[in-house]
Amino acid sequence: MQHRHGPRARAVVERAFELTERLPRPLRGAQQRAILSVLSERMLALLREASMNPDKIPETPAARKLRLFLESQGRKKGRAEGEAKGRAEGEAKGRQEALVTLLRARGLSPSQDDEARIRACADTAKLDRWIAQAATATTVREALGAKTSGARARPRAPRRARPASAPRS
């Protein structure tokens, strides 16, 4: 195999690797090393190139069936995760638009920073809370404020000056 590197030589090498897959694990590695030791540099380069393309690596029909099944399962899982993420992003975007529209309809003008904060929020529970607060808020700051428990804190009474105490002896 040192001087052969055409399509036929490549087919022989691929078939040899296919056959080694049937060997017991300890013997398989030794056989693969033996095959690689008799190949020319050009054939090794072709094998390296083939290893970059998983479809060109020889595999048994059972291994191929398993690989295709696992790839299919991975695609299904990835598709489901992508759809869920897209749905969540769409719901958040809808709430963001609703909040900005509500603020403007109530005559409140969100600043660019306020709009950026709204658009950066992907938490639908927080957006729902902001929408509810915006329904009665008198300012954008109040609408986007922290969650309130219904009762508002009373402002503190101004502090009274303390009378100067007599020096201690």
N, C-alpha and C. Protein backbone atom coordinates (compact mmCIF):
# COMPACT_ATOMS: atom_id res chain seq x y z
N MET A 1 0.82 -1.20 0.00
CA MET A 1 0.00 0.00 0.00
C MET A 1 0.86 1.26 0.00
N GLN A 2 2.17 1.11 0.13
CA GLN A 2 3.04 2.28 0.18
C GLN A 2 2.99 3.11 -1.10
N HIS A 3 2.80 2.46 -2.24
CA HIS A 3 2.86 3.18 -3.51
C HIS A 3 1.50 3.31 -4.16
N ARG A 4 0.47 2.95 -3.49
CA ARG A 4 -0.87 3.03 -4.08
C ARG A 4 -1.68 4.08 -3.32
N HIS A 5 -2.44 4.87 -4.08
CA HIS A 5 -3.22 5.92 -3.43
C HIS A 5 -4.46 6.32 -4.24
N GLY A 6 -4.81 5.55 -5.21
CA GLY A 6 -5.98 5.86 -6.03
C GLY A 6 -7.28 5.47 -5.33
N PRO A 7 -8.40 5.61 -6.06
CA PRO A 7 -9.71 5.27 -5.49
C PRO A 7 -9.81 3.82 -5.06
N ARG A 8 -9.15 2.93 -5.82
CA ARG A 8 -9.22 1.52 -5.47
C ARG A 8 -8.45 1.24 -4.18
N ALA A 9 -7.29 1.86 -4.04
CA ALA A 9 -6.49 1.69 -2.82
C ALA A 9 -7.26 2.24 -1.62
N ARG A 10 -7.90 3.36 -1.82
CA ARG A 10 -8.68 3.96 -0.75
C ARG A 10 -9.84 3.04 -0.34
N ALA A 11 -10.49 2.42 -1.31
CA ALA A 11 -11.58 1.49 -1.01
C ALA A 11 -11.07 0.30 -0.20
N VAL A 12 -9.86 -0.18 -0.53
CA VAL A 12 -9.27 -1.30 0.20
C VAL A 12 -9.03 -0.89 1.66
N VAL A 13 -8.48 0.31 1.85
CA VAL A 13 -8.20 0.79 3.21
C VAL A 13 -9.51 0.96 3.99
N GLU A 14 -10.51 1.54 3.36
CA GLU A 14 -11.81 1.73 4.03
C GLU A 14 -12.41 0.38 4.43
N ARG A 15 -12.31 -0.59 3.52
CA ARG A 15 -12.85 -1.93 3.82
C ARG A 15 -12.08 -2.57 4.97
N ALA A 16 -10.76 -2.37 4.99
CA ALA A 16 -9.95 -2.93 6.07
C ALA A 16 -10.39 -2.34 7.41
N PHE A 17 -10.65 -1.03 7.45
CA PHE A 17 -11.12 -0.41 8.69
C PHE A 17 -12.51 -0.90 9.06
N GLU A 18 -13.37 -1.12 8.07
CA GLU A 18 -14.71 -1.67 8.35
C GLU A 18 -14.59 -3.03 9.02
N LEU A 19 -13.70 -3.86 8.50
CA LEU A 19 -13.53 -5.21 9.05
C LEU A 19 -12.97 -5.17 10.47
N THR A 20 -12.11 -4.19 10.76
CA THR A 20 -11.55 -4.12 12.12
C THR A 20 -12.62 -3.80 13.15
N GLU A 21 -13.72 -3.18 12.74
CA GLU A 21 -14.81 -2.86 13.67
C GLU A 21 -15.43 -4.13 14.25
N ARG A 22 -15.28 -5.25 13.56
CA ARG A 22 -15.86 -6.52 14.03
C ARG A 22 -14.97 -7.22 15.05
N LEU A 23 -13.74 -6.77 15.17
CA LEU A 23 -12.79 -7.42 16.08
C LEU A 23 -13.08 -7.02 17.53
N PRO A 24 -12.64 -7.85 18.48
CA PRO A 24 -12.76 -7.47 19.90
C PRO A 24 -11.97 -6.18 20.15
N ARG A 25 -12.43 -5.39 21.09
CA ARG A 25 -11.85 -4.07 21.34
C ARG A 25 -10.32 -4.09 21.49
N PRO A 26 -9.71 -4.96 22.30
CA PRO A 26 -8.25 -4.92 22.45
C PRO A 26 -7.52 -5.16 21.12
N LEU A 27 -8.05 -6.04 20.30
CA LEU A 27 -7.42 -6.37 19.03
C LEU A 27 -7.67 -5.28 17.99
N ARG A 28 -8.80 -4.60 18.10
CA ARG A 28 -9.20 -3.59 17.12
C ARG A 28 -8.16 -2.47 17.01
N GLY A 29 -7.73 -1.92 18.15
CA GLY A 29 -6.75 -0.83 18.14
C GLY A 29 -5.44 -1.26 17.51
N ALA A 30 -4.98 -2.46 17.86
CA ALA A 30 -3.72 -2.98 17.30
C ALA A 30 -3.84 -3.14 15.79
N GLN A 31 -4.96 -3.66 15.32
CA GLN A 31 -5.15 -3.86 13.88
C GLN A 31 -5.20 -2.51 13.15
N GLN A 32 -5.86 -1.53 13.73
CA GLN A 32 -5.93 -0.21 13.10
C GLN A 32 -4.54 0.42 13.01
N ARG A 33 -3.73 0.27 14.06
CA ARG A 33 -2.36 0.79 14.01
C ARG A 33 -1.53 0.07 12.95
N ALA A 34 -1.75 -1.23 12.81
CA ALA A 34 -1.02 -2.00 11.79
C ALA A 34 -1.39 -1.52 10.39
N ILE A 35 -2.67 -1.26 10.17
CA ILE A 35 -3.10 -0.76 8.85
C ILE A 35 -2.46 0.59 8.58
N LEU A 36 -2.51 1.49 9.56
CA LEU A 36 -1.95 2.83 9.37
C LEU A 36 -0.45 2.79 9.11
N SER A 37 0.25 1.81 9.69
CA SER A 37 1.71 1.74 9.55
C SER A 37 2.17 1.40 8.13
N VAL A 38 1.29 0.82 7.31
CA VAL A 38 1.71 0.44 5.96
C VAL A 38 1.21 1.41 4.89
N LEU A 39 0.57 2.49 5.30
CA LEU A 39 0.02 3.43 4.32
C LEU A 39 1.03 4.51 3.95
N SER A 40 0.93 4.98 2.73
CA SER A 40 1.80 6.06 2.26
C SER A 40 1.35 7.38 2.89
N GLU A 41 2.23 8.37 2.83
CA GLU A 41 1.89 9.70 3.35
C GLU A 41 0.67 10.26 2.63
N ARG A 42 0.62 10.02 1.34
CA ARG A 42 -0.51 10.54 0.55
C ARG A 42 -1.83 9.90 0.99
N MET A 43 -1.81 8.58 1.23
CA MET A 43 -3.02 7.90 1.68
C MET A 43 -3.40 8.36 3.09
N LEU A 44 -2.41 8.57 3.95
CA LEU A 44 -2.70 9.09 5.29
C LEU A 44 -3.34 10.48 5.21
N ALA A 45 -2.85 11.30 4.28
CA ALA A 45 -3.43 12.64 4.09
C ALA A 45 -4.89 12.52 3.64
N LEU A 46 -5.17 11.57 2.75
CA LEU A 46 -6.55 11.36 2.30
C LEU A 46 -7.44 10.92 3.47
N LEU A 47 -6.90 10.06 4.33
CA LEU A 47 -7.67 9.61 5.50
C LEU A 47 -7.90 10.76 6.49
N ARG A 48 -6.87 11.62 6.67
CA ARG A 48 -7.06 12.79 7.54
C ARG A 48 -8.16 13.68 7.00
N GLU A 49 -8.15 13.87 5.69
CA GLU A 49 -9.19 14.69 5.04
C GLU A 49 -10.56 14.05 5.25
N ALA A 50 -10.63 12.74 5.10
CA ALA A 50 -11.90 12.03 5.29
C ALA A 50 -12.37 12.13 6.74
N SER A 51 -11.41 12.16 7.67
CA SER A 51 -11.81 12.24 9.08
C SER A 51 -12.44 13.58 9.42
N MET A 52 -12.19 14.60 8.58
CA MET A 52 -12.83 15.89 8.78
C MET A 52 -14.29 15.84 8.36
N ASN A 53 -14.65 14.85 7.56
CA ASN A 53 -16.03 14.69 7.11
C ASN A 53 -16.54 13.38 7.69
N PRO A 54 -17.38 13.44 8.73
CA PRO A 54 -17.84 12.21 9.38
C PRO A 54 -18.54 11.24 8.43
N ASP A 55 -19.13 11.73 7.35
CA ASP A 55 -19.81 10.84 6.41
C ASP A 55 -18.83 9.96 5.65
N LYS A 56 -17.54 10.33 5.64
CA LYS A 56 -16.56 9.54 4.90
C LYS A 56 -15.83 8.53 5.78
N ILE A 57 -16.11 8.52 7.06
CA ILE A 57 -15.47 7.56 7.96
C ILE A 57 -16.24 6.25 7.87
N PRO A 58 -15.55 5.15 7.61
CA PRO A 58 -16.26 3.87 7.50
C PRO A 58 -16.90 3.49 8.83
N GLU A 59 -18.10 2.91 8.75
CA GLU A 59 -18.79 2.45 9.95
C GLU A 59 -19.68 1.27 9.58
N THR A 60 -19.93 0.45 10.56
CA THR A 60 -20.78 -0.71 10.32
C THR A 60 -22.22 -0.24 10.14
N PRO A 61 -23.05 -1.05 9.50
CA PRO A 61 -24.46 -0.66 9.34
C PRO A 61 -25.14 -0.41 10.69
N ALA A 62 -24.82 -1.21 11.70
CA ALA A 62 -25.43 -1.01 13.03
C ALA A 62 -24.98 0.31 13.64
N ALA A 63 -23.68 0.61 13.51
CA ALA A 63 -23.17 1.87 14.05
C ALA A 63 -23.78 3.06 13.32
N ARG A 64 -23.93 2.93 12.00
CA ARG A 64 -24.55 4.00 11.22
C ARG A 64 -26.00 4.22 11.65
N LYS A 65 -26.73 3.12 11.84
CA LYS A 65 -28.13 3.22 12.26
C LYS A 65 -28.23 3.93 13.61
N LEU A 66 -27.35 3.55 14.55
CA LEU A 66 -27.35 4.18 15.87
C LEU A 66 -27.00 5.67 15.76
N ARG A 67 -25.96 5.99 14.97
CA ARG A 67 -25.55 7.39 14.80
C ARG A 67 -26.69 8.22 14.22
N LEU A 68 -27.35 7.70 13.19
CA LEU A 68 -28.45 8.44 12.57
C LEU A 68 -29.61 8.63 13.54
N PHE A 69 -29.89 7.60 14.36
CA PHE A 69 -30.95 7.72 15.36
C PHE A 69 -30.60 8.80 16.38
N LEU A 70 -29.36 8.78 16.89
CA LEU A 70 -28.94 9.77 17.88
C LEU A 70 -28.95 11.18 17.30
N GLU A 71 -28.51 11.32 16.05
CA GLU A 71 -28.55 12.64 15.41
C GLU A 71 -29.99 13.13 15.28
N SER A 72 -30.89 12.22 14.92
CA SER A 72 -32.30 12.58 14.79
C SER A 72 -32.87 13.04 16.13
N GLN A 73 -32.53 12.31 17.20
CA GLN A 73 -32.99 12.70 18.54
C GLN A 73 -32.44 14.06 18.93
N GLY A 74 -31.17 14.29 18.61
CA GLY A 74 -30.55 15.58 18.91
C GLY A 74 -31.23 16.73 18.16
N ARG A 75 -31.56 16.48 16.89
CA ARG A 75 -32.25 17.52 16.11
C ARG A 75 -33.62 17.81 16.70
N LYS A 76 -34.36 16.75 17.09
CA LYS A 76 -35.70 16.95 17.68
C LYS A 76 -35.60 17.76 18.97
N LYS A 77 -34.63 17.41 19.81
CA LYS A 77 -34.46 18.12 21.08
C LYS A 77 -34.08 19.58 20.81
N GLY A 78 -33.15 19.78 19.90
CA GLY A 78 -32.72 21.15 19.57
C GLY A 78 -33.86 21.97 18.99
N ARG A 79 -34.67 21.35 18.15
CA ARG A 79 -35.82 22.05 17.55
C ARG A 79 -36.81 22.45 18.64
N ALA A 80 -37.11 21.52 19.56
CA ALA A 80 -38.05 21.81 20.64
C ALA A 80 -37.53 22.93 21.54
N GLU A 81 -36.23 22.88 21.86
CA GLU A 81 -35.65 23.94 22.69
C GLU A 81 -35.69 25.27 21.97
N GLY A 82 -35.39 25.26 20.68
CA GLY A 82 -35.43 26.49 19.89
C GLY A 82 -36.82 27.08 19.80
N GLU A 83 -37.82 26.20 19.63
CA GLU A 83 -39.21 26.68 19.57
C GLU A 83 -39.63 27.28 20.90
N ALA A 84 -39.26 26.63 22.00
CA ALA A 84 -39.62 27.15 23.33
C ALA A 84 -38.96 28.50 23.58
N LYS A 85 -37.69 28.60 23.19
CA LYS A 85 -36.97 29.87 23.38
C LYS A 85 -37.60 30.96 22.51
N GLY A 86 -37.93 30.62 21.28
CA GLY A 86 -38.55 31.60 20.38
C GLY A 86 -39.90 32.05 20.90
N ARG A 87 -40.67 31.12 21.43
CA ARG A 87 -41.99 31.45 21.99
C ARG A 87 -41.82 32.40 23.18
N ALA A 88 -40.88 32.10 24.08
CA ALA A 88 -40.64 32.95 25.26
C ALA A 88 -40.17 34.34 24.83
N GLU A 89 -39.28 34.40 23.84
CA GLU A 89 -38.81 35.70 23.36
C GLU A 89 -39.96 36.49 22.74
N GLY A 90 -40.83 35.80 22.00
CA GLY A 90 -41.98 36.46 21.38
C GLY A 90 -42.95 37.00 22.42
N GLU A 91 -43.19 36.22 23.48
CA GLU A 91 -44.08 36.68 24.55
C GLU A 91 -43.50 37.90 25.24
N ALA A 92 -42.20 37.87 25.52
CA ALA A 92 -41.56 39.02 26.17
C ALA A 92 -41.62 40.25 25.26
N LYS A 93 -41.36 40.06 23.97
CA LYS A 93 -41.40 41.19 23.04
C LYS A 93 -42.80 41.79 22.98
N GLY A 94 -43.83 40.96 22.97
CA GLY A 94 -45.20 41.45 22.96
C GLY A 94 -45.52 42.27 24.20
N ARG A 95 -45.05 41.80 25.34
CA ARG A 95 -45.28 42.55 26.59
C ARG A 95 -44.50 43.86 26.59
N GLN A 96 -43.28 43.83 26.06
CA GLN A 96 -42.49 45.07 25.97
C GLN A 96 -43.22 46.11 25.14
N GLU A 97 -43.73 45.68 23.98
CA GLU A 97 -44.47 46.60 23.10
C GLU A 97 -45.73 47.12 23.80
N ALA A 98 -46.44 46.23 24.49
CA ALA A 98 -47.66 46.63 25.19
C ALA A 98 -47.35 47.66 26.27
N LEU A 99 -46.27 47.47 26.99
CA LEU A 99 -45.90 48.40 28.06
C LEU A 99 -45.58 49.78 27.50
N VAL A 100 -44.76 49.83 26.46
CA VAL A 100 -44.41 51.12 25.85
C VAL A 100 -45.66 51.80 25.31
N THR A 101 -46.52 51.04 24.65
CA THR A 101 -47.77 51.59 24.10
C THR A 101 -48.65 52.13 25.22
N LEU A 102 -48.79 51.39 26.31
CA LEU A 102 -49.61 51.82 27.44
C LEU A 102 -49.05 53.10 28.06
N LEU A 103 -47.75 53.15 28.26
CA LEU A 103 -47.14 54.36 28.84
C LEU A 103 -47.43 55.58 27.97
N ARG A 104 -47.24 55.43 26.67
CA ARG A 104 -47.48 56.56 25.75
C ARG A 104 -48.96 56.94 25.70
N ALA A 105 -49.85 55.94 25.72
CA ALA A 105 -51.28 56.22 25.68
C ALA A 105 -51.73 56.97 26.93
N ARG A 106 -51.04 56.75 28.02
CA ARG A 106 -51.39 57.44 29.26
C ARG A 106 -50.69 58.79 29.36
N GLY A 107 -49.99 59.19 28.30
CA GLY A 107 -49.33 60.49 28.30
C GLY A 107 -48.00 60.51 29.01
N LEU A 108 -47.47 59.34 29.30
CA LEU A 108 -46.15 59.24 29.94
C LEU A 108 -45.12 59.01 28.84
N SER A 109 -44.02 59.69 28.92
CA SER A 109 -43.01 59.59 27.86
C SER A 109 -41.77 58.87 28.37
N PRO A 110 -41.63 57.60 28.03
CA PRO A 110 -40.42 56.90 28.47
C PRO A 110 -39.18 57.45 27.75
N SER A 111 -38.12 57.65 28.51
CA SER A 111 -36.86 58.12 27.92
C SER A 111 -36.22 56.97 27.13
N GLN A 112 -35.14 57.29 26.43
CA GLN A 112 -34.42 56.24 25.70
C GLN A 112 -33.89 55.19 26.67
N ASP A 113 -33.43 55.65 27.84
CA ASP A 113 -32.94 54.70 28.85
C ASP A 113 -34.07 53.81 29.35
N ASP A 114 -35.27 54.42 29.56
CA ASP A 114 -36.42 53.64 30.01
C ASP A 114 -36.78 52.58 28.97
N GLU A 115 -36.83 53.01 27.70
CA GLU A 115 -37.17 52.06 26.63
C GLU A 115 -36.12 50.96 26.53
N ALA A 116 -34.85 51.33 26.67
CA ALA A 116 -33.78 50.32 26.61
C ALA A 116 -33.94 49.32 27.76
N ARG A 117 -34.29 49.82 28.94
CA ARG A 117 -34.50 48.94 30.09
C ARG A 117 -35.67 48.00 29.84
N ILE A 118 -36.75 48.53 29.26
CA ILE A 118 -37.93 47.71 28.96
C ILE A 118 -37.56 46.65 27.93
N ARG A 119 -36.87 47.04 26.86
CA ARG A 119 -36.54 46.11 25.78
C ARG A 119 -35.51 45.06 26.22
N ALA A 120 -34.72 45.39 27.23
CA ALA A 120 -33.71 44.44 27.72
C ALA A 120 -34.32 43.41 28.66
N CYS A 121 -35.52 43.67 29.14
CA CYS A 121 -36.15 42.76 30.11
C CYS A 121 -36.83 41.60 29.39
N ALA A 122 -36.43 40.38 29.72
CA ALA A 122 -37.05 39.18 29.13
C ALA A 122 -37.90 38.44 30.16
N ASP A 123 -37.98 38.98 31.37
CA ASP A 123 -38.74 38.37 32.46
C ASP A 123 -40.21 38.75 32.31
N THR A 124 -41.04 37.80 31.84
CA THR A 124 -42.45 38.13 31.56
C THR A 124 -43.20 38.48 32.83
N ALA A 125 -42.84 37.90 33.97
CA ALA A 125 -43.52 38.24 35.23
C ALA A 125 -43.24 39.70 35.60
N LYS A 126 -42.00 40.13 35.42
CA LYS A 126 -41.65 41.53 35.71
C LYS A 126 -42.36 42.46 34.73
N LEU A 127 -42.39 42.08 33.46
CA LEU A 127 -43.08 42.92 32.46
C LEU A 127 -44.57 43.02 32.79
N ASP A 128 -45.19 41.91 33.21
CA ASP A 128 -46.60 41.94 33.61
C ASP A 128 -46.80 42.89 34.80
N ARG A 129 -45.88 42.84 35.75
CA ARG A 129 -45.97 43.72 36.92
C ARG A 129 -45.84 45.18 36.49
N TRP A 130 -44.91 45.47 35.58
CA TRP A 130 -44.74 46.84 35.09
C TRP A 130 -45.99 47.32 34.35
N ILE A 131 -46.60 46.42 33.57
CA ILE A 131 -47.82 46.79 32.83
C ILE A 131 -48.93 47.14 33.82
N ALA A 132 -49.09 46.32 34.86
CA ALA A 132 -50.12 46.59 35.87
C ALA A 132 -49.83 47.91 36.58
N GLN A 133 -48.58 48.16 36.90
CA GLN A 133 -48.21 49.41 37.57
C GLN A 133 -48.40 50.60 36.64
N ALA A 134 -48.14 50.41 35.34
CA ALA A 134 -48.28 51.50 34.37
C ALA A 134 -49.73 51.93 34.22
N ALA A 135 -50.66 51.04 34.52
CA ALA A 135 -52.08 51.37 34.39
C ALA A 135 -52.50 52.48 35.34
N THR A 136 -51.82 52.61 36.47
CA THR A 136 -52.20 53.63 37.45
C THR A 136 -51.07 54.59 37.78
N ALA A 137 -49.90 54.38 37.24
CA ALA A 137 -48.74 55.22 37.57
C ALA A 137 -48.91 56.64 37.04
N THR A 138 -48.29 57.56 37.74
CA THR A 138 -48.31 58.96 37.28
C THR A 138 -46.99 59.34 36.62
N THR A 139 -45.98 58.48 36.76
CA THR A 139 -44.69 58.71 36.10
C THR A 139 -44.16 57.38 35.57
N VAL A 140 -43.26 57.47 34.62
CA VAL A 140 -42.62 56.26 34.08
C VAL A 140 -41.82 55.58 35.20
N ARG A 141 -41.15 56.39 36.00
CA ARG A 141 -40.35 55.84 37.10
C ARG A 141 -41.22 55.01 38.03
N GLU A 142 -42.42 55.51 38.32
CA GLU A 142 -43.36 54.77 39.18
C GLU A 142 -43.80 53.47 38.51
N ALA A 143 -44.03 53.52 37.21
CA ALA A 143 -44.46 52.33 36.48
C ALA A 143 -43.39 51.25 36.49
N LEU A 144 -42.14 51.66 36.39
CA LEU A 144 -41.04 50.69 36.33
C LEU A 144 -40.39 50.46 37.69
N GLY A 145 -41.03 50.97 38.73
CA GLY A 145 -40.48 50.84 40.07
C GLY A 145 -40.58 49.43 40.59
N ALA A 146 -40.06 49.26 41.78
CA ALA A 146 -40.09 47.95 42.44
C ALA A 146 -41.52 47.58 42.77
N LYS A 147 -41.74 46.31 42.96
CA LYS A 147 -43.07 45.80 43.31
C LYS A 147 -43.51 46.41 44.63
N THR A 148 -44.73 46.91 44.64
CA THR A 148 -45.26 47.48 45.87
C THR A 148 -46.31 46.54 46.43
N SER A 149 -46.52 46.60 47.73
CA SER A 149 -47.48 45.69 48.37
C SER A 149 -48.87 46.30 48.43
N GLY A 150 -49.11 47.38 47.75
CA GLY A 150 -50.43 48.01 47.77
C GLY A 150 -50.40 49.23 48.67
N ALA A 151 -49.94 49.09 49.89
CA ALA A 151 -49.85 50.24 50.79
C ALA A 151 -48.52 50.92 50.55
N ARG A 152 -48.57 52.20 50.35
CA ARG A 152 -47.34 52.94 50.10
C ARG A 152 -46.74 53.40 51.42
N ALA A 153 -45.47 53.46 51.45
CA ALA A 153 -44.80 53.94 52.65
C ALA A 153 -45.07 55.43 52.79
N ARG A 154 -45.32 55.85 54.02
CA ARG A 154 -45.56 57.27 54.25
C ARG A 154 -44.23 57.98 54.30
N PRO A 155 -44.21 59.21 53.80
CA PRO A 155 -42.96 59.96 53.89
C PRO A 155 -42.62 60.23 55.35
N ARG A 156 -41.36 60.26 55.63
CA ARG A 156 -40.91 60.52 56.99
C ARG A 156 -41.19 61.98 57.36
N ALA A 157 -41.51 62.17 58.61
CA ALA A 157 -41.68 63.54 59.11
C ALA A 157 -40.30 64.15 59.24
N PRO A 158 -40.19 65.44 58.99
CA PRO A 158 -38.87 66.07 59.12
C PRO A 158 -38.35 65.92 60.55
N ARG A 159 -37.08 65.75 60.68
CA ARG A 159 -36.47 65.59 62.00
C ARG A 159 -36.47 66.91 62.74
N ARG A 160 -36.76 66.81 63.99
CA ARG A 160 -36.72 68.01 64.84
C ARG A 160 -35.34 68.12 65.45
N ALA A 161 -34.93 69.33 65.62
CA ALA A 161 -33.63 69.56 66.26
C ALA A 161 -33.73 69.17 67.72
N ARG A 162 -32.75 68.50 68.21
CA ARG A 162 -32.73 68.09 69.61
C ARG A 162 -32.19 69.25 70.46
N PRO A 163 -32.79 69.42 71.60
CA PRO A 163 -32.23 70.47 72.47
C PRO A 163 -30.85 70.05 72.96
N ALA A 164 -30.01 71.03 73.06
CA ALA A 164 -28.65 70.75 73.53
C ALA A 164 -28.73 70.31 74.98
N SER A 165 -28.07 69.25 75.27
CA SER A 165 -28.10 68.76 76.65
C SER A 165 -27.00 69.43 77.46
N ALA A 166 -27.23 69.46 78.73
CA ALA A 166 -26.25 70.08 79.63
C ALA A 166 -25.02 69.21 79.68
N PRO A 167 -23.86 69.83 79.72
CA PRO A 167 -22.63 69.04 79.78
C PRO A 167 -22.59 68.19 81.05
N ARG A 168 -22.10 67.01 80.87
CA ARG A 168 -22.00 66.07 82.00
C ARG A 168 -20.74 66.37 82.81
N SER A 169 -20.87 66.15 84.09
CA SER A 169 -19.69 66.38 84.92
C SER A 169 -19.17 65.11 85.49
